[in-house]
N, C-alpha and C. Protein backbone atom coordinates (compact mmCIF):
# COMPACT_ATOMS: atom_id res chain seq x y z
N MET A 1 -25.68 34.66 27.73
CA MET A 1 -24.73 33.14 27.88
C MET A 1 -23.26 34.16 26.79
N SER A 2 -22.21 33.79 27.19
CA SER A 2 -21.14 34.41 25.80
C SER A 2 -20.63 33.34 25.28
N GLN A 3 -19.93 33.72 23.97
CA GLN A 3 -19.82 32.47 23.25
C GLN A 3 -19.17 31.53 23.79
N LEU A 4 -18.04 31.39 24.62
CA LEU A 4 -17.14 30.50 25.41
C LEU A 4 -17.94 29.72 26.03
N CYS A 5 -19.27 29.98 26.49
CA CYS A 5 -20.25 29.03 27.29
C CYS A 5 -21.07 28.28 26.64
N ARG A 6 -21.39 28.38 25.08
CA ARG A 6 -22.30 27.86 24.87
C ARG A 6 -22.58 25.94 24.95
N PRO A 7 -23.82 25.62 25.19
CA PRO A 7 -22.90 24.36 25.25
C PRO A 7 -22.83 23.68 24.01
N LEU A 8 -22.57 22.59 23.96
CA LEU A 8 -21.78 21.94 22.34
C LEU A 8 -23.15 21.42 21.93
N ARG A 9 -23.32 21.63 20.53
CA ARG A 9 -23.96 20.42 20.15
C ARG A 9 -23.78 19.33 20.06
N HIS A 10 -24.54 17.77 19.97
CA HIS A 10 -24.47 17.07 20.11
C HIS A 10 -23.74 16.56 18.89
N TYR A 11 -22.88 15.62 18.20
CA TYR A 11 -22.14 15.31 16.94
C TYR A 11 -23.54 14.20 16.28
N ASN A 12 -24.15 14.12 16.74
CA ASN A 12 -25.36 13.11 16.22
C ASN A 12 -26.63 13.78 15.59
N GLU A 13 -26.08 14.90 15.54
CA GLU A 13 -27.57 15.86 15.42
C GLU A 13 -28.16 15.21 14.12
N TYR A 14 -27.33 14.97 13.12
CA TYR A 14 -27.32 14.33 11.71
C TYR A 14 -26.97 13.18 11.79
N ALA A 15 -28.26 12.28 11.35
CA ALA A 15 -27.78 11.04 11.42
C ALA A 15 -28.13 10.48 10.21
N PRO A 16 -26.81 10.00 9.54
CA PRO A 16 -27.30 9.98 8.04
C PRO A 16 -28.08 8.47 7.68
N GLU A 17 -28.80 8.49 6.76
CA GLU A 17 -29.22 6.79 6.47
C GLU A 17 -28.27 5.80 5.92
N ARG A 18 -28.66 4.76 6.64
CA ARG A 18 -27.77 3.61 5.49
C ARG A 18 -28.18 3.15 4.41
N MET A 19 -27.18 2.94 3.36
CA MET A 19 -27.22 3.23 2.05
C MET A 19 -27.91 2.22 1.20
N ASP A 20 -28.91 1.72 0.69
CA ASP A 20 -29.36 0.54 -0.16
C ASP A 20 -28.80 0.98 -1.71
N SER A 21 -29.37 -0.53 -2.15
CA SER A 21 -28.97 -0.38 -3.82
C SER A 21 -29.39 0.50 -4.63
N GLU A 22 -30.39 1.03 -4.74
CA GLU A 22 -31.05 2.51 -5.37
C GLU A 22 -30.25 3.43 -5.24
N SER A 23 -29.73 3.73 -3.47
CA SER A 23 -28.85 5.18 -3.55
C SER A 23 -27.63 5.00 -3.84
N PHE A 24 -27.20 3.77 -3.92
CA PHE A 24 -25.91 3.32 -4.50
C PHE A 24 -25.75 3.59 -5.73
N ARG A 25 -26.39 3.36 -6.80
CA ARG A 25 -26.77 3.65 -8.19
C ARG A 25 -27.01 4.77 -8.16
N GLN A 26 -27.72 5.89 -7.49
CA GLN A 26 -27.86 7.47 -7.45
C GLN A 26 -26.01 8.22 -7.35
N GLN A 27 -25.94 7.63 -6.02
CA GLN A 27 -24.97 8.58 -5.29
C GLN A 27 -22.78 7.71 -5.86
N ILE A 28 -23.35 6.99 -5.80
CA ILE A 28 -22.12 6.40 -5.90
C ILE A 28 -21.68 6.10 -7.60
N LEU A 29 -22.09 5.41 -8.29
CA LEU A 29 -22.08 5.27 -9.78
C LEU A 29 -22.10 6.73 -10.99
N PRO A 30 -22.81 7.49 -10.20
CA PRO A 30 -22.58 8.95 -10.91
C PRO A 30 -20.87 9.61 -10.89
N VAL A 31 -20.11 9.04 -9.83
CA VAL A 31 -18.41 9.58 -9.50
C VAL A 31 -17.48 8.72 -10.11
N TYR A 32 -18.22 7.54 -10.99
CA TYR A 32 -17.63 6.60 -11.79
C TYR A 32 -16.15 7.26 -12.22
N GLN A 33 -16.45 8.23 -13.23
CA GLN A 33 -15.55 8.79 -14.18
C GLN A 33 -14.39 9.71 -13.36
N ARG A 34 -14.81 10.37 -12.49
CA ARG A 34 -14.14 11.16 -11.77
C ARG A 34 -13.14 10.03 -10.64
N MET A 35 -13.24 8.84 -10.48
CA MET A 35 -12.79 7.93 -9.67
C MET A 35 -11.82 7.85 -10.68
N PHE A 36 -12.19 7.29 -12.01
CA PHE A 36 -11.21 6.70 -13.10
C PHE A 36 -9.90 7.73 -13.02
N ALA A 37 -10.26 8.93 -13.41
CA ALA A 37 -9.67 10.03 -13.75
C ALA A 37 -8.21 10.16 -12.35
N VAL A 38 -8.93 9.97 -11.27
CA VAL A 38 -8.18 10.30 -10.12
C VAL A 38 -7.12 8.36 -10.01
N ALA A 39 -7.47 7.83 -10.33
CA ALA A 39 -6.56 6.56 -10.39
C ALA A 39 -5.93 6.28 -11.75
N LEU A 40 -5.99 6.95 -12.84
CA LEU A 40 -5.50 7.07 -13.67
C LEU A 40 -4.03 7.76 -13.80
N ARG A 41 -4.39 8.98 -13.13
CA ARG A 41 -2.74 9.88 -12.72
C ARG A 41 -2.36 9.46 -11.63
N MET A 42 -2.48 8.86 -10.52
CA MET A 42 -1.81 7.97 -9.85
C MET A 42 -0.98 6.83 -10.27
N PHE A 43 -1.69 5.97 -10.90
CA PHE A 43 -0.92 5.00 -11.98
C PHE A 43 -0.58 5.64 -13.30
N ASP A 44 0.18 7.40 -13.44
CA ASP A 44 0.87 7.54 -14.55
C ASP A 44 0.32 7.41 -15.99
N GLY A 45 -1.35 7.21 -16.13
CA GLY A 45 -1.68 7.04 -17.64
C GLY A 45 -1.87 5.40 -17.37
N ASN A 46 -1.80 4.51 -16.54
CA ASN A 46 -1.94 3.23 -17.07
C ASN A 46 -3.38 3.37 -16.95
N ARG A 47 -4.16 2.54 -17.78
CA ARG A 47 -5.47 2.89 -18.14
C ARG A 47 -5.99 1.33 -17.45
N ASP A 48 -4.96 0.42 -17.28
CA ASP A 48 -5.55 -1.12 -16.80
C ASP A 48 -5.61 -1.11 -15.64
N ASN A 49 -4.50 -0.20 -15.39
CA ASN A 49 -4.38 -0.45 -13.75
C ASN A 49 -5.26 0.36 -13.07
N ALA A 50 -5.61 1.88 -13.49
CA ALA A 50 -6.62 2.23 -13.37
C ALA A 50 -7.96 2.45 -13.52
N TYR A 51 -8.39 1.15 -14.40
CA TYR A 51 -9.48 0.26 -14.29
C TYR A 51 -9.50 -0.47 -13.29
N ASP A 52 -8.68 -1.25 -12.71
CA ASP A 52 -8.68 -2.56 -11.90
C ASP A 52 -8.83 -1.80 -10.25
N ALA A 53 -8.33 -0.30 -10.08
CA ALA A 53 -8.27 -0.02 -9.30
C ALA A 53 -9.59 0.60 -9.15
N VAL A 54 -10.11 0.98 -9.62
CA VAL A 54 -11.59 1.57 -9.91
C VAL A 54 -12.72 0.33 -9.36
N GLN A 55 -12.42 -0.87 -9.99
CA GLN A 55 -13.55 -1.68 -10.27
C GLN A 55 -13.62 -2.56 -8.98
N ASP A 56 -12.06 -2.40 -8.09
CA ASP A 56 -11.97 -2.96 -7.17
C ASP A 56 -12.98 -2.10 -5.88
N THR A 57 -12.65 -0.95 -6.12
CA THR A 57 -13.08 0.34 -5.09
C THR A 57 -14.72 -0.03 -5.41
N ILE A 58 -15.12 -0.10 -6.34
CA ILE A 58 -16.62 0.16 -6.70
C ILE A 58 -17.47 -1.27 -5.86
N ALA A 59 -16.35 -2.29 -6.01
CA ALA A 59 -16.78 -3.76 -5.83
C ALA A 59 -16.86 -3.12 -4.04
N ALA A 60 -15.98 -2.88 -3.34
CA ALA A 60 -15.50 -2.96 -2.16
C ALA A 60 -16.88 -1.90 -1.72
N LEU A 61 -17.06 -0.72 -2.44
CA LEU A 61 -18.12 -0.18 -2.09
C LEU A 61 -19.39 -0.76 -1.59
N TRP A 62 -19.89 -1.72 -3.09
CA TRP A 62 -21.15 -2.55 -3.19
C TRP A 62 -21.28 -3.22 -1.43
N GLU A 63 -20.13 -4.19 -1.75
CA GLU A 63 -20.18 -4.85 -0.61
C GLU A 63 -20.43 -4.75 0.61
N ARG A 64 -19.90 -3.19 0.81
CA ARG A 64 -20.58 -2.82 2.39
C ARG A 64 -21.43 -1.28 2.17
N ARG A 65 -22.18 -1.52 1.25
CA ARG A 65 -23.14 -0.66 1.19
C ARG A 65 -24.37 0.10 2.31
N ARG A 66 -24.20 -1.29 2.79
CA ARG A 66 -25.40 -1.78 4.08
C ARG A 66 -25.21 -0.83 5.09
N GLU A 67 -23.34 -1.05 5.28
CA GLU A 67 -22.99 -0.03 6.32
C GLU A 67 -22.68 1.23 6.21
N LEU A 68 -22.37 1.38 5.14
CA LEU A 68 -22.26 2.66 4.74
C LEU A 68 -23.18 3.91 5.07
N GLN A 69 -22.35 5.02 5.59
CA GLN A 69 -23.19 6.42 6.23
C GLN A 69 -22.32 7.25 5.80
N ILE A 70 -22.90 8.20 5.06
CA ILE A 70 -22.29 8.88 3.97
C ILE A 70 -22.63 10.36 4.64
N SER A 71 -22.31 10.82 5.32
CA SER A 71 -22.46 12.19 5.89
C SER A 71 -21.94 13.54 5.41
N VAL A 72 -21.25 13.08 4.66
CA VAL A 72 -20.13 14.70 3.96
C VAL A 72 -20.57 14.66 2.41
N SER A 73 -20.19 13.52 1.48
CA SER A 73 -20.53 13.47 -0.14
C SER A 73 -20.08 12.21 -0.36
N PRO A 74 -20.75 11.74 -1.37
CA PRO A 74 -20.42 11.02 -1.63
C PRO A 74 -19.39 10.68 -3.16
N GLU A 75 -19.12 11.82 -3.23
CA GLU A 75 -18.23 12.18 -4.30
C GLU A 75 -16.75 11.67 -3.46
N ALA A 76 -16.22 12.59 -2.47
CA ALA A 76 -14.84 12.54 -1.34
C ALA A 76 -15.20 11.18 -1.14
N LEU A 77 -16.15 10.18 -0.31
CA LEU A 77 -16.24 9.19 0.03
C LEU A 77 -14.92 8.20 -1.05
N CYS A 78 -15.87 8.45 -2.42
CA CYS A 78 -15.41 7.55 -3.32
C CYS A 78 -14.03 8.04 -3.67
N ILE A 79 -13.51 9.12 -3.86
CA ILE A 79 -12.23 9.77 -4.10
C ILE A 79 -11.56 9.14 -3.25
N THR A 80 -11.86 9.54 -1.87
CA THR A 80 -10.76 8.97 -0.83
C THR A 80 -10.70 7.62 -1.21
N ALA A 81 -11.34 6.55 -1.40
CA ALA A 81 -11.60 5.25 -1.60
C ALA A 81 -10.61 4.58 -2.53
N VAL A 82 -11.35 5.48 -3.81
CA VAL A 82 -9.85 5.24 -4.73
C VAL A 82 -9.01 5.35 -4.61
N ARG A 83 -8.58 6.71 -4.25
CA ARG A 83 -7.05 6.86 -3.62
C ARG A 83 -6.25 6.07 -2.78
N ASN A 84 -6.86 5.46 -1.84
CA ASN A 84 -6.44 4.61 -1.03
C ASN A 84 -6.61 3.35 -1.66
N ARG A 85 -7.04 3.02 -2.49
CA ARG A 85 -6.82 1.61 -3.31
C ARG A 85 -5.72 1.52 -3.67
N CYS A 86 -5.68 2.88 -4.74
CA CYS A 86 -4.15 3.15 -5.63
C CYS A 86 -3.18 2.99 -4.81
N ILE A 87 -2.94 4.04 -3.63
CA ILE A 87 -1.92 3.51 -3.01
C ILE A 87 -1.61 1.86 -2.30
N SER A 88 -2.31 1.35 -2.25
CA SER A 88 -2.35 -0.33 -1.67
C SER A 88 -1.86 -0.94 -2.96
N LEU A 89 -1.87 -0.20 -4.18
CA LEU A 89 -1.43 -1.70 -5.32
C LEU A 89 -0.68 -0.98 -5.46
N LEU A 90 0.18 0.11 -5.56
CA LEU A 90 1.09 0.30 -5.61
C LEU A 90 2.39 0.14 -4.80
N ARG A 91 1.83 -0.01 -3.47
CA ARG A 91 2.75 -0.59 -2.24
C ARG A 91 3.12 -1.70 -2.80
N ALA A 92 2.11 -2.81 -2.82
CA ALA A 92 2.60 -3.83 -2.93
C ALA A 92 3.13 -3.85 -4.16
N ARG A 93 2.75 -3.31 -5.88
CA ARG A 93 3.56 -3.70 -6.48
C ARG A 93 5.40 -3.74 -6.08
N ARG A 94 5.68 -2.37 -5.77
CA ARG A 94 6.85 -1.93 -4.91
C ARG A 94 7.43 -3.00 -4.07
N MET A 95 6.67 -3.72 -3.43
CA MET A 95 7.52 -4.98 -2.76
C MET A 95 7.98 -5.87 -3.52
N GLU A 96 6.98 -6.35 -4.81
CA GLU A 96 7.08 -7.21 -5.28
C GLU A 96 8.15 -6.98 -6.16
N ALA A 97 8.62 -5.63 -6.58
CA ALA A 97 10.02 -5.44 -7.28
C ALA A 97 11.22 -5.16 -6.29
N SER A 98 10.86 -5.52 -5.24
CA SER A 98 12.33 -5.33 -4.59
C SER A 98 13.55 -6.43 -4.41
N ILE A 99 13.68 -7.12 -3.30
CA ILE A 99 15.16 -7.73 -3.68
C ILE A 99 15.06 -9.14 -4.71
N ASP A 100 13.69 -9.29 -4.72
CA ASP A 100 13.95 -10.66 -5.37
C ASP A 100 14.07 -10.67 -6.52
N ASP A 101 13.85 -9.43 -7.46
CA ASP A 101 14.76 -9.12 -8.78
C ASP A 101 16.27 -9.28 -8.53
N TYR A 102 16.68 -8.88 -7.65
CA TYR A 102 18.37 -8.87 -7.43
C TYR A 102 18.40 -10.16 -6.93
N VAL A 103 18.17 -11.28 -6.62
CA VAL A 103 18.24 -12.79 -6.12
C VAL A 103 18.07 -13.33 -7.66
N ASN A 104 16.76 -13.11 -8.20
CA ASN A 104 16.48 -14.03 -9.23
C ASN A 104 17.85 -13.17 -10.21
N VAL A 105 18.59 -12.54 -10.65
CA VAL A 105 19.50 -11.92 -11.39
C VAL A 105 20.86 -12.81 -10.90
N ALA A 106 20.87 -12.74 -9.65
CA ALA A 106 22.06 -13.17 -8.75
C ALA A 106 21.82 -15.23 -9.03
N ALA A 107 20.85 -15.55 -9.07
CA ALA A 107 20.89 -16.65 -9.43
C ALA A 107 20.91 -17.48 -10.91
N ARG A 108 21.00 -16.61 -11.76
CA ARG A 108 21.57 -16.96 -13.22
C ARG A 108 22.63 -17.69 -13.23
N ASP A 109 22.81 -18.55 -13.91
CA ASP A 109 24.50 -19.53 -14.39
C ASP A 109 25.36 -18.51 -14.64
N ASP A 110 24.85 -17.36 -15.66
CA ASP A 110 25.94 -16.07 -16.25
C ASP A 110 25.86 -15.15 -15.31
N ALA A 111 25.49 -15.15 -14.07
CA ALA A 111 25.35 -13.62 -13.44
C ALA A 111 26.82 -13.78 -12.31
N ASP A 112 27.27 -14.30 -12.49
CA ASP A 112 28.75 -14.50 -11.21
C ASP A 112 28.68 -12.70 -10.87
N SER A 113 29.06 -11.90 -11.90
CA SER A 113 29.42 -10.26 -11.54
C SER A 113 28.39 -9.99 -10.74
N ASP A 114 27.00 -10.54 -11.31
CA ASP A 114 25.48 -9.83 -10.39
C ASP A 114 25.55 -10.26 -9.39
N THR A 115 26.11 -11.66 -8.77
CA THR A 115 25.81 -12.26 -7.85
C THR A 115 27.05 -11.55 -6.69
N GLU A 116 28.37 -11.16 -7.23
CA GLU A 116 29.13 -10.64 -5.86
C GLU A 116 28.53 -8.95 -6.05
N ARG A 117 27.62 -8.48 -7.08
CA ARG A 117 27.49 -7.41 -6.47
C ARG A 117 26.29 -7.13 -5.30
N VAL A 118 25.59 -8.24 -5.98
CA VAL A 118 24.29 -8.33 -4.28
C VAL A 118 25.27 -8.61 -3.21
N TYR A 119 25.82 -9.59 -3.20
CA TYR A 119 26.56 -10.01 -1.96
C TYR A 119 27.29 -8.86 -1.48
N MET A 120 28.15 -8.18 -2.04
CA MET A 120 28.73 -6.76 -1.71
C MET A 120 27.89 -5.83 -1.14
N ALA A 121 26.44 -5.54 -1.79
CA ALA A 121 26.00 -4.44 -1.60
C ALA A 121 25.26 -5.05 0.05
N VAL A 122 25.24 -6.10 0.10
CA VAL A 122 24.30 -7.04 0.91
C VAL A 122 25.31 -6.37 2.30
N ASN A 123 26.54 -6.73 2.31
CA ASN A 123 27.47 -6.99 2.98
C ASN A 123 27.60 -4.74 3.83
N LEU A 124 27.10 -4.11 2.79
CA LEU A 124 27.41 -2.43 3.03
C LEU A 124 26.22 -2.06 3.65
N LEU A 125 25.56 -3.15 3.99
CA LEU A 125 23.87 -2.47 4.94
C LEU A 125 24.47 -2.67 6.35
N PRO A 126 23.57 -1.57 7.14
CA PRO A 126 23.76 -1.68 8.80
C PRO A 126 23.57 -3.31 9.25
N GLU A 127 24.21 -3.52 10.28
CA GLU A 127 24.28 -5.29 10.74
C GLU A 127 22.55 -5.51 11.16
N SER A 128 21.77 -4.60 11.42
CA SER A 128 20.20 -5.51 11.83
C SER A 128 19.53 -5.84 10.40
N ARG A 129 19.80 -4.76 9.52
CA ARG A 129 19.24 -4.98 8.00
C ARG A 129 20.04 -5.82 7.08
N ARG A 130 21.12 -5.95 7.48
CA ARG A 130 22.31 -7.24 6.61
C ARG A 130 21.28 -8.60 7.21
N THR A 131 21.33 -8.72 8.84
CA THR A 131 20.89 -10.21 9.07
C THR A 131 19.22 -10.45 8.48
N ALA A 132 18.30 -9.45 8.77
CA ALA A 132 17.54 -9.99 8.20
C ALA A 132 17.13 -10.27 6.79
N VAL A 133 18.10 -8.99 6.15
CA VAL A 133 18.06 -9.29 4.70
C VAL A 133 18.72 -10.87 4.21
N ARG A 134 19.79 -11.08 5.06
CA ARG A 134 20.17 -12.56 4.40
C ARG A 134 19.20 -13.62 4.96
N MET A 135 18.67 -13.25 5.73
CA MET A 135 18.04 -14.64 6.14
C MET A 135 16.61 -14.41 5.40
N SER A 136 16.37 -13.79 5.03
CA SER A 136 14.97 -13.41 4.03
C SER A 136 15.44 -13.89 2.54
N MET A 137 16.58 -13.76 2.16
CA MET A 137 16.93 -14.39 0.93
C MET A 137 17.43 -16.13 0.87
N LYS A 138 17.13 -16.38 2.41
CA LYS A 138 17.59 -17.52 2.44
C LYS A 138 16.48 -18.33 2.78
N GLY A 139 14.95 -17.92 2.54
CA GLY A 139 13.82 -18.24 2.78
C GLY A 139 13.06 -18.22 4.14
N PHE A 140 13.89 -17.56 5.09
CA PHE A 140 13.24 -17.95 6.31
C PHE A 140 12.27 -16.43 6.26
N ASP A 141 11.22 -16.74 7.10
CA ASP A 141 9.41 -15.84 7.51
C ASP A 141 9.94 -14.54 8.31
N HIS A 142 8.90 -13.82 8.33
CA HIS A 142 9.19 -12.91 8.90
C HIS A 142 9.09 -13.29 10.67
N HIS A 143 8.04 -13.87 10.94
CA HIS A 143 8.11 -14.91 12.35
C HIS A 143 9.53 -15.20 12.63
N GLU A 144 10.20 -15.62 12.00
CA GLU A 144 11.13 -16.63 12.16
C GLU A 144 12.88 -15.67 12.38
N ILE A 145 12.49 -14.70 11.47
CA ILE A 145 13.19 -13.41 11.10
C ILE A 145 13.44 -12.68 12.72
N ALA A 146 12.03 -12.49 13.04
CA ALA A 146 12.03 -11.51 14.37
C ALA A 146 12.37 -12.41 15.73
N SER A 147 12.12 -14.24 15.70
CA SER A 147 12.39 -14.41 16.53
C SER A 147 14.17 -14.60 17.00
N GLU A 148 15.05 -14.71 15.81
CA GLU A 148 16.28 -14.71 15.56
C GLU A 148 17.14 -13.36 16.29
N LEU A 149 15.97 -12.54 15.92
CA LEU A 149 16.47 -10.61 15.72
C LEU A 149 16.00 -10.26 17.46
N GLY A 150 14.91 -11.19 17.92
CA GLY A 150 14.71 -10.61 19.17
C GLY A 150 13.72 -9.96 19.03
N THR A 151 13.17 -9.33 17.84
CA THR A 151 12.30 -8.18 17.61
C THR A 151 10.75 -8.49 17.12
N THR A 152 9.94 -7.89 16.67
CA THR A 152 8.99 -7.91 16.44
C THR A 152 8.49 -8.62 14.90
N GLU A 153 7.30 -8.78 14.28
CA GLU A 153 7.55 -8.51 12.82
C GLU A 153 7.44 -7.71 12.00
N GLY A 154 6.76 -6.65 12.99
CA GLY A 154 6.22 -5.37 12.36
C GLY A 154 7.81 -4.80 12.03
N ASN A 155 8.50 -4.73 12.96
CA ASN A 155 9.82 -4.60 13.39
C ASN A 155 11.17 -4.97 11.88
N VAL A 156 10.70 -6.33 11.58
CA VAL A 156 11.51 -6.92 10.48
C VAL A 156 11.01 -7.20 9.39
N ARG A 157 9.57 -6.35 9.31
CA ARG A 157 9.12 -5.80 8.05
C ARG A 157 9.67 -4.32 7.38
N GLN A 158 9.63 -3.64 8.49
CA GLN A 158 10.47 -2.35 8.50
C GLN A 158 12.09 -2.40 8.37
N LEU A 159 12.75 -3.38 8.87
CA LEU A 159 13.76 -3.72 8.47
C LEU A 159 14.15 -3.79 6.59
N LEU A 160 13.41 -4.94 6.58
CA LEU A 160 13.69 -5.63 5.37
C LEU A 160 13.24 -4.23 4.05
N SER A 161 12.39 -3.59 4.54
CA SER A 161 11.91 -2.38 3.47
C SER A 161 12.76 -1.68 3.55
N ARG A 162 13.70 -1.20 4.29
CA ARG A 162 14.33 -0.46 4.24
C ARG A 162 16.03 -0.66 3.61
N GLY A 163 15.93 -1.88 4.16
CA GLY A 163 17.22 -2.86 3.39
C GLY A 163 16.89 -2.94 1.94
N ARG A 164 15.68 -3.09 1.38
CA ARG A 164 15.92 -3.47 -0.19
C ARG A 164 16.28 -1.90 -0.59
N ASN A 165 14.98 -0.94 -0.04
CA ASN A 165 15.09 0.59 -0.53
C ASN A 165 16.89 0.58 -0.73
N GLN A 166 17.75 0.50 0.74
CA GLN A 166 19.15 0.91 0.74
C GLN A 166 19.68 -0.06 -0.21
N LEU A 167 19.36 -0.92 -0.54
CA LEU A 167 19.97 -2.11 -1.23
C LEU A 167 20.40 -1.75 -2.81
N LYS A 168 19.11 -1.21 -3.29
CA LYS A 168 18.29 -0.55 -4.72
C LYS A 168 19.54 0.31 -5.08
N GLU A 169 19.38 1.47 -3.98
CA GLU A 169 20.17 3.01 -4.06
C GLU A 169 21.77 1.96 -4.24
N ILE A 170 22.33 1.30 -3.41
CA ILE A 170 23.90 0.88 -3.20
C ILE A 170 23.81 0.04 -5.01
N LEU A 171 22.96 -0.65 -4.95
CA LEU A 171 23.24 -1.22 -6.57
C LEU A 171 23.65 -0.37 -7.56
N SER A 172 22.22 0.88 -7.65
CA SER A 172 22.17 1.43 -8.91
C SER A 172 24.04 2.62 -8.91
N HIS A 173 25.06 1.78 -7.42
CA HIS A 173 25.98 3.07 -7.93
C HIS A 173 27.02 2.06 -8.09
N ILE A 174 27.15 0.75 -7.82
CA ILE A 174 28.25 -0.34 -7.81
C ILE A 174 28.17 -0.43 -9.54
């Protein structure tokens, strides 16, 4: 039989065992320091954020330990899990520091020039982003903005994200 005609092996030839609490202690906990090092790099040396990310990851792995089937490497699973957790935390922080900062500055009594800068920057956005950002600034939620623009909530999130990023760029030059 030629190389090309050999039957393929079943992918389930190796069925890993489900993880119990003892195997969790033996396989996952020894990787803690490596997970912390990855998180520390991702948070630019901020030990508190790295510690929180690792603890959240280990807690999530512990809760799902009976579902975990480690077929490759416990270390690879842990590093991937902590990296994904760090990315989620970084994205959440980036969203928090978005247009709300500019709106808060504009809301101060002594911020007339800042208010003008924000409104001028919003006016420079493309029409769909401008409308979404204005509605968001007025307190409309994603569902209401989506129905007003005749689009999906996912598209609204994208419009707002890109609009906020563009606002940051515009305001840094004004």
